[in-house]
């Protein structure tokens, strides 16, 4: 490589089938809900999934597993946000992670809570 040439690298995005995050925020502050544009019914569930299209399937599984309101579904970034009562959000997270793992062979993650 000549002295005036910059090193060049090529990055490739090769998604695996995985749930990278499944988190429950219990009793979120009103300011957080307002900033996110989310109804505060007791809890917020957040998931990230690759590939992003899996988010559509996760949203379906979550809504069937718990009485939740889907707040945001992005099939491009793999982000899923929903709200509801704490128990419903926890059931929805567990149901979505389980469905992706059992039906589609996704690598699951632990459902976390704060």
Protein backbone atom coordinates (compact mmCIF):
# COMPACT_ATOMS: atom_id res chain seq x y z
CA UNK A 1 0.00 0.00 0.00
CA UNK A 2 1.35 3.42 -0.92
CA UNK A 3 1.97 6.02 1.79
CA UNK A 4 -0.93 8.21 0.65
CA UNK A 5 -3.52 5.40 0.51
CA UNK A 6 -5.93 4.96 3.40
CA UNK A 7 -6.58 1.44 4.67
CA UNK A 8 -9.95 0.21 3.58
CA UNK A 9 -12.22 -2.20 5.39
CA UNK A 10 -15.51 -3.71 4.33
CA UNK A 11 -18.15 -4.48 6.94
CA UNK A 12 -20.94 -6.89 6.33
CA UNK A 13 -24.10 -7.33 8.40
CA UNK A 14 -24.89 -11.01 8.73
CA UNK A 15 -27.74 -11.37 11.18
CA UNK A 16 -28.24 -14.48 13.20
CA UNK A 17 -31.64 -15.59 14.37
CA UNK A 18 -31.66 -14.23 17.88
CA UNK A 19 -33.51 -12.23 20.48
CA UNK A 20 -30.85 -9.80 21.67
CA UNK A 21 -32.90 -8.10 24.39
CA UNK A 22 -36.22 -8.66 26.18
CA UNK A 23 -36.66 -6.19 29.03
CA UNK A 24 -39.55 -5.13 31.25
CA UNK A 25 -39.60 -1.64 32.74
CA UNK A 26 -41.95 -1.78 35.72
CA UNK A 27 -43.68 1.40 36.83
CA UNK A 28 -41.91 3.71 34.36
CA UNK A 29 -41.76 7.39 35.19
CA UNK A 30 -44.35 9.54 33.44
CA UNK A 31 -41.59 11.59 31.77
CA UNK A 32 -40.17 8.47 30.13
CA UNK A 33 -43.60 7.45 28.87
CA UNK A 34 -44.22 10.95 27.54
CA UNK A 35 -40.88 11.02 25.71
CA UNK A 36 -41.55 7.62 24.15
CA UNK A 37 -45.19 8.42 23.38
CA UNK A 38 -46.23 5.33 25.33
CA UNK A 39 -49.35 4.84 27.47
CA UNK A 40 -48.39 4.24 31.09
CA UNK A 41 -50.41 1.26 32.23
CA UNK A 42 -47.83 -0.10 34.63
CA UNK A 43 -45.04 -1.46 32.45
CA UNK A 44 -43.18 -1.16 29.16
CA UNK A 45 -41.76 -4.16 27.30
CA UNK A 46 -38.82 -3.70 24.95
CA UNK A 47 -37.36 -6.28 22.59
CA UNK A 48 -34.69 -6.26 19.90
CA UNK A 49 -34.60 -9.07 17.38
CA UNK A 50 -32.44 -10.06 14.41
CA UNK A 51 -33.31 -10.37 11.66
CA UNK A 52 -35.69 -7.43 11.95
CA UNK A 53 -38.53 -9.23 10.20
CA UNK A 54 -38.75 -11.46 13.26
CA UNK A 55 -40.19 -8.45 15.06
CA UNK A 56 -43.48 -8.92 13.22
CA UNK A 57 -43.72 -12.50 14.48
CA UNK A 58 -42.67 -11.44 17.99
CA UNK A 59 -45.37 -8.72 18.01
CA UNK A 60 -47.98 -11.31 17.08
CA UNK A 61 -46.79 -13.77 19.73
CA UNK A 62 -46.55 -11.06 22.41
CA UNK A 63 -50.05 -9.78 21.71
CA UNK A 64 -51.44 -13.32 21.97
CA UNK A 65 -49.54 -14.06 25.21
CA UNK A 66 -50.58 -10.96 27.17
CA UNK A 67 -53.14 -8.16 27.21
CA UNK A 68 -50.79 -5.49 25.85
CA UNK A 69 -50.87 -2.49 23.55
CA UNK A 70 -48.34 -2.58 20.72
CA UNK A 71 -46.63 0.82 20.77
CA UNK A 72 -43.88 0.44 18.17
CA UNK A 73 -42.92 -2.30 15.71
CA UNK A 74 -39.93 -1.70 13.42
CA UNK A 75 -39.11 -4.53 11.04
CA UNK A 76 -36.00 -2.69 9.82
CA UNK A 77 -34.23 -2.28 13.18
CA UNK A 78 -35.85 -5.21 14.97
CA UNK A 79 -37.26 -3.04 17.76
CA UNK A 80 -40.54 -3.88 19.47
CA UNK A 81 -42.13 -1.79 22.26
CA UNK A 82 -45.41 -2.50 24.03
CA UNK A 83 -47.18 -1.49 27.22
CA UNK A 84 -49.65 -2.92 29.70
CA UNK A 85 -49.97 -4.13 33.25
CA UNK A 86 -46.77 -5.61 34.69
CA UNK A 87 -48.00 -9.23 34.61
CA UNK A 88 -49.32 -8.87 31.05
CA UNK A 89 -46.07 -7.35 29.78
CA UNK A 90 -44.04 -10.08 31.48
CA UNK A 91 -46.27 -12.77 29.91
CA UNK A 92 -45.96 -11.09 26.51
CA UNK A 93 -42.15 -10.96 26.71
CA UNK A 94 -41.91 -14.57 27.83
CA UNK A 95 -44.40 -15.69 25.19
CA UNK A 96 -42.64 -13.84 22.37
CA UNK A 97 -39.18 -15.11 23.32
CA UNK A 98 -40.54 -18.65 23.68
CA UNK A 99 -42.34 -18.59 20.34
CA UNK A 100 -39.30 -17.33 18.47
CA UNK A 101 -37.13 -20.00 20.11
CA UNK A 102 -39.51 -22.96 19.77
CA UNK A 103 -41.13 -22.25 16.41
CA UNK A 104 -38.32 -20.58 14.47
CA UNK A 105 -35.19 -21.80 16.24
CA UNK A 106 -34.05 -18.35 17.41
CA UNK A 107 -31.39 -18.09 20.10
CA UNK A 108 -33.27 -16.70 23.11
CA UNK A 109 -32.24 -14.24 25.77
CA UNK A 110 -33.21 -13.98 29.40
CA UNK A 111 -36.18 -11.70 30.12
CA UNK A 112 -34.82 -8.96 32.38
CA UNK A 113 -36.68 -6.48 34.58
CA UNK A 114 -36.05 -3.10 36.18
